[in-house]
N, C-alpha and C. Protein backbone atom coordinates (compact mmCIF):
# COMPACT_ATOMS: atom_id res chain seq x y z
N UNK A 1 0.83 -1.20 0.00
CA UNK A 1 0.00 0.00 0.00
C UNK A 1 0.86 1.25 0.00
N UNK A 2 0.46 2.20 -0.80
CA UNK A 2 1.20 3.46 -0.86
C UNK A 2 0.89 4.30 0.37
N UNK A 3 1.94 4.84 0.96
CA UNK A 3 1.76 5.67 2.15
C UNK A 3 1.53 7.11 1.73
N UNK A 4 0.41 7.66 2.16
CA UNK A 4 0.09 9.03 1.77
C UNK A 4 0.71 10.01 2.74
N UNK A 5 1.14 11.13 2.21
CA UNK A 5 1.77 12.17 3.02
C UNK A 5 0.91 13.41 2.99
N UNK A 6 0.71 14.01 4.17
CA UNK A 6 -0.10 15.21 4.26
C UNK A 6 0.71 16.33 4.89
N UNK A 7 0.41 17.52 4.52
CA UNK A 7 1.00 18.69 5.15
C UNK A 7 -0.10 19.62 5.59
N UNK A 8 0.03 20.10 6.81
CA UNK A 8 -0.90 21.12 7.29
C UNK A 8 -0.07 22.35 7.62
N UNK A 9 -0.42 23.47 7.03
CA UNK A 9 0.32 24.70 7.28
C UNK A 9 -0.63 25.69 7.92
N UNK A 10 -0.26 26.16 9.09
CA UNK A 10 -1.10 27.12 9.81
C UNK A 10 -0.33 28.43 9.92
N UNK A 11 -0.92 29.48 9.39
CA UNK A 11 -0.26 30.78 9.42
C UNK A 11 -0.87 31.66 10.50
N UNK A 12 -0.02 32.24 11.31
CA UNK A 12 -0.45 33.23 12.28
C UNK A 12 -0.48 34.59 11.59
N UNK A 13 -1.00 35.61 12.25
CA UNK A 13 -0.90 36.96 11.70
C UNK A 13 0.56 37.33 11.43
N UNK A 14 0.76 38.22 10.49
CA UNK A 14 2.12 38.57 10.05
C UNK A 14 3.04 38.99 11.20
N UNK A 15 2.47 39.65 12.20
CA UNK A 15 3.33 40.13 13.29
C UNK A 15 3.92 38.98 14.10
N UNK A 16 3.42 37.76 13.91
CA UNK A 16 3.93 36.60 14.64
C UNK A 16 4.83 35.72 13.78
N UNK A 17 5.17 36.19 12.59
CA UNK A 17 5.80 35.30 11.61
C UNK A 17 7.22 34.88 11.94
N UNK A 18 7.83 35.47 12.98
CA UNK A 18 9.23 35.18 13.24
C UNK A 18 9.48 33.75 13.70
N UNK A 19 8.56 33.19 14.43
CA UNK A 19 8.78 31.85 14.97
C UNK A 19 8.20 30.79 14.03
N UNK A 20 8.91 29.71 13.92
CA UNK A 20 8.45 28.60 13.07
C UNK A 20 8.57 27.31 13.86
N UNK A 21 7.45 26.66 14.08
CA UNK A 21 7.46 25.38 14.77
C UNK A 21 7.22 24.29 13.75
N UNK A 22 7.94 23.22 13.88
CA UNK A 22 7.82 22.11 12.94
C UNK A 22 7.44 20.86 13.71
N UNK A 23 6.41 20.21 13.29
CA UNK A 23 5.93 19.00 13.96
C UNK A 23 5.86 17.87 12.95
N UNK A 24 6.42 16.73 13.32
CA UNK A 24 6.43 15.60 12.41
C UNK A 24 5.81 14.40 13.11
N UNK A 25 4.72 13.90 12.57
CA UNK A 25 4.06 12.72 13.12
C UNK A 25 4.40 11.53 12.22
N UNK A 26 5.34 10.70 12.68
CA UNK A 26 5.80 9.62 11.81
C UNK A 26 4.74 8.53 11.62
N UNK A 27 3.91 8.30 12.64
CA UNK A 27 2.87 7.28 12.50
C UNK A 27 1.93 7.59 11.35
N UNK A 28 1.56 8.85 11.24
CA UNK A 28 0.62 9.24 10.19
C UNK A 28 1.34 9.74 8.95
N UNK A 29 2.67 9.77 9.00
CA UNK A 29 3.45 10.34 7.90
C UNK A 29 2.92 11.75 7.60
N UNK A 30 2.81 12.52 8.67
CA UNK A 30 2.18 13.83 8.58
C UNK A 30 3.16 14.89 9.03
N UNK A 31 3.31 15.91 8.22
CA UNK A 31 4.20 17.02 8.57
C UNK A 31 3.37 18.27 8.76
N UNK A 32 3.61 18.94 9.87
CA UNK A 32 2.84 20.15 10.16
C UNK A 32 3.81 21.29 10.44
N UNK A 33 3.63 22.38 9.75
CA UNK A 33 4.45 23.56 9.97
C UNK A 33 3.59 24.63 10.63
N UNK A 34 4.04 25.12 11.77
CA UNK A 34 3.30 26.15 12.47
C UNK A 34 4.13 27.42 12.49
N UNK A 35 3.65 28.46 11.89
CA UNK A 35 4.33 29.74 11.98
C UNK A 35 3.63 30.55 13.05
N UNK A 36 4.29 30.68 14.19
CA UNK A 36 3.65 31.32 15.33
C UNK A 36 4.73 31.91 16.21
N UNK A 37 4.41 32.91 17.00
CA UNK A 37 5.39 33.46 17.91
C UNK A 37 4.88 33.46 19.34
N UNK A 38 3.88 34.30 19.62
CA UNK A 38 3.44 34.43 21.01
C UNK A 38 2.38 33.40 21.34
N UNK A 39 2.76 32.15 21.26
CA UNK A 39 1.85 31.06 21.60
C UNK A 39 2.69 30.00 22.29
N UNK A 40 2.14 29.44 23.36
CA UNK A 40 2.88 28.39 24.05
C UNK A 40 2.97 27.17 23.16
N UNK A 41 4.09 26.47 23.25
CA UNK A 41 4.27 25.31 22.40
C UNK A 41 3.17 24.27 22.65
N UNK A 42 2.79 24.10 23.91
CA UNK A 42 1.74 23.14 24.22
C UNK A 42 0.42 23.50 23.55
N UNK A 43 0.13 24.79 23.48
CA UNK A 43 -1.10 25.21 22.80
C UNK A 43 -1.03 24.89 21.32
N UNK A 44 0.16 25.05 20.76
CA UNK A 44 0.34 24.75 19.34
C UNK A 44 0.10 23.26 19.08
N UNK A 45 0.65 22.42 19.93
CA UNK A 45 0.47 20.98 19.72
C UNK A 45 -0.98 20.57 19.96
N UNK A 46 -1.64 21.25 20.89
CA UNK A 46 -3.06 20.99 21.12
C UNK A 46 -3.87 21.31 19.88
N UNK A 47 -3.54 22.44 19.25
CA UNK A 47 -4.23 22.83 18.04
C UNK A 47 -3.93 21.83 16.91
N UNK A 48 -2.68 21.39 16.82
CA UNK A 48 -2.31 20.42 15.79
C UNK A 48 -3.13 19.14 15.96
N UNK A 49 -3.25 18.67 17.19
CA UNK A 49 -3.96 17.42 17.41
C UNK A 49 -5.42 17.53 17.00
N UNK A 50 -5.99 18.73 17.09
CA UNK A 50 -7.37 18.90 16.65
C UNK A 50 -7.47 18.98 15.13
N UNK A 51 -6.44 19.52 14.49
CA UNK A 51 -6.52 19.79 13.06
C UNK A 51 -5.95 18.67 12.18
N UNK A 52 -5.00 17.89 12.70
CA UNK A 52 -4.22 17.03 11.81
C UNK A 52 -5.03 15.95 11.11
N UNK A 53 -6.09 15.48 11.72
CA UNK A 53 -6.87 14.43 11.08
C UNK A 53 -7.66 14.92 9.88
N UNK A 54 -7.81 16.21 9.77
CA UNK A 54 -8.49 16.75 8.59
C UNK A 54 -7.62 16.61 7.35
N UNK A 55 -6.31 16.60 7.57
CA UNK A 55 -5.37 16.45 6.46
C UNK A 55 -5.66 17.41 5.31
N UNK A 56 -5.75 18.67 5.68
CA UNK A 56 -5.98 19.70 4.67
C UNK A 56 -5.03 20.85 4.90
N UNK A 57 -4.89 21.68 3.92
CA UNK A 57 -4.10 22.89 4.06
C UNK A 57 -4.97 23.97 4.67
N UNK A 58 -4.44 24.61 5.70
CA UNK A 58 -5.19 25.67 6.36
C UNK A 58 -4.50 27.00 6.14
N UNK A 59 -5.24 27.97 5.69
CA UNK A 59 -4.64 29.29 5.46
C UNK A 59 -5.38 30.33 6.27
């Protein structure tokens, strides 16, 4: 079976663009890029866990 790869990109407002968080879920072969600054890392991962199963690009 072919393993599908998904990317979810979440953009914060421009004023937060300096920070870039990268999350890689090897079980799902899922890569998530979070561009965020004033957000706790735990909050970012919480948001990822809610969004990642959608497997869509978020803008």
